Protein backbone atom coordinates (compact mmCIF):
# COMPACT_ATOMS: atom_id res chain seq x y z
CA MET A 1 49.82 68.37 36.67
CA TYR A 2 51.99 65.01 36.25
CA ILE A 3 55.20 64.07 38.26
CA TYR A 4 57.92 61.81 37.03
CA ASN A 5 59.94 60.85 40.46
CA ILE A 6 63.06 59.40 40.22
CA THR A 7 64.82 58.24 43.66
CA PHE A 8 68.24 57.71 43.66
CA ASN A 9 70.78 55.96 46.09
CA VAL A 10 74.29 57.29 45.76
CA ASP A 11 77.50 55.93 47.33
CA PRO A 12 79.50 58.83 49.33
CA GLU A 13 82.37 58.14 47.15
CA ILE A 14 80.90 59.56 44.04
CA GLU A 15 78.09 61.90 45.80
CA GLN A 16 79.69 65.34 45.16
CA ALA A 17 80.51 64.29 41.45
CA TRP A 18 76.87 62.88 41.19
CA LEU A 19 75.48 66.00 42.29
CA HIS A 20 77.42 68.37 40.04
CA TYR A 21 76.68 66.17 37.38
CA ILE A 22 72.79 66.15 38.10
CA GLN A 23 72.51 69.92 38.68
CA ASN A 24 74.49 70.96 35.49
CA THR A 25 74.02 67.85 32.91
CA PHE A 26 71.19 65.73 33.98
CA ILE A 27 68.59 68.04 34.70
CA PRO A 28 69.00 70.58 31.96
CA GLN A 29 68.98 67.50 29.55
CA MET A 30 65.89 66.24 30.96
CA LEU A 31 64.01 69.94 30.69
CA LYS A 32 65.22 70.32 27.29
CA SER A 33 62.65 69.17 25.12
CA GLY A 34 60.02 71.20 26.84
CA LEU A 35 57.83 68.47 27.64
CA LEU A 36 58.97 68.49 31.36
CA ASN A 37 58.14 72.23 32.74
CA LYS A 38 60.02 71.99 36.13
CA SER A 39 62.21 69.84 38.25
CA VAL A 40 62.65 69.73 42.18
CA THR A 41 65.41 68.10 43.71
CA SER A 42 65.17 66.90 47.46
CA LYS A 43 67.85 65.10 49.72
CA ILE A 44 65.71 62.19 51.43
CA MET A 45 66.14 62.83 55.28
CA VAL A 46 66.64 59.27 56.56
CA ASP A 47 69.71 57.72 58.02
CA GLU A 48 70.89 55.29 55.34
CA ALA A 49 73.24 52.31 55.66
CA GLN A 50 74.74 52.63 52.68
CA GLY A 51 74.80 55.97 50.78
CA THR A 52 72.80 58.93 50.58
CA SER A 53 69.32 59.02 48.85
CA TYR A 54 67.65 61.68 46.60
CA SER A 55 64.82 62.58 45.09
CA ILE A 56 64.23 64.60 41.65
CA GLN A 57 60.71 65.39 40.78
CA PHE A 58 59.82 66.69 37.13
CA MET A 59 56.64 67.93 36.57
CA ALA A 60 54.76 68.11 33.02
CA ASP A 61 51.21 69.85 32.37
CA LYS A 62 49.70 66.99 30.55
CA GLN A 63 49.70 63.28 30.65
CA GLU A 64 50.48 63.23 26.96
CA ASP A 65 53.61 65.26 27.26
CA LEU A 66 55.08 62.83 30.13
CA LYS A 67 54.28 60.09 28.13
CA LYS A 68 55.86 61.54 25.23
CA PHE A 69 59.20 62.58 27.29
CA ILE A 70 59.51 58.87 28.22
CA LYS A 71 58.98 57.25 24.98
CA GLU A 72 60.96 59.74 22.97
CA GLU A 73 63.73 61.54 25.38
CA LEU A 74 64.45 59.69 28.75
CA TYR A 75 66.22 56.68 27.79
CA PRO A 76 69.39 57.71 26.20
CA ILE A 77 69.63 60.38 29.17
CA LEU A 78 68.95 57.96 31.80
CA ASN A 79 71.65 55.39 30.10
CA GLN A 80 74.49 58.20 30.02
CA LEU A 81 73.82 58.62 33.86
CA HIS A 82 74.00 54.98 34.54
CA LEU A 83 77.05 54.54 32.37
CA LYS A 84 78.75 57.29 34.25
CA PHE A 85 78.02 56.42 38.05
CA SER A 86 76.67 52.74 38.09
CA PRO A 87 77.29 50.64 40.19
CA LYS A 88 77.68 53.16 42.69
CA MET A 89 74.29 54.64 42.12
CA VAL A 90 71.02 53.05 41.70
CA TYR A 91 67.67 54.42 40.89
CA PHE A 92 63.77 53.77 40.48
CA ALA A 93 61.12 55.89 38.77
CA THR A 94 57.66 56.52 39.77
CA GLU A 95 55.25 58.36 37.52
CA LEU A 96 52.62 60.33 39.59
CA ASP A 97 48.97 62.19 38.84
CA VAL A 98 48.51 64.98 41.16
CA ILE A 99 44.88 64.69 42.30
CA ASP A 100 44.86 67.66 44.77
CA GLN A 101 47.08 70.43 45.69
CA GLN A 102 46.56 72.69 48.69
CA GLU A 103 48.53 75.79 50.38
CA HIS A 104 48.29 77.25 53.51
CA PRO A 105 46.25 80.44 53.68
CA GLN A 106 48.37 83.76 54.13
CA LYS A 107 48.40 84.71 57.76
CA PRO A 108 46.79 88.43 57.89
CA GLU A 109 49.40 91.05 58.89
């Protein structure tokens, strides 16, 4: 599995509008092509001097799908987000290759 992680820092002044846009516009646009198949949105649990930080992770089954998405789909979507919320929002992105995934075994009942 491959993950495209975007970490955002959002000014409190726009946070609610930003969250609404992320959930109702940004994430659906990112998933629309089918090249990414899942997203997880998390609030980063640290005290920030300025703003609140969030992580949004998008999963792809194949590296080729992620690369194709980045090349063909990503930048217009990010540009729209940037135009709407900058300079009260900053972000950086990281590509991740999952090398291991484990789960706690089920406890016997």
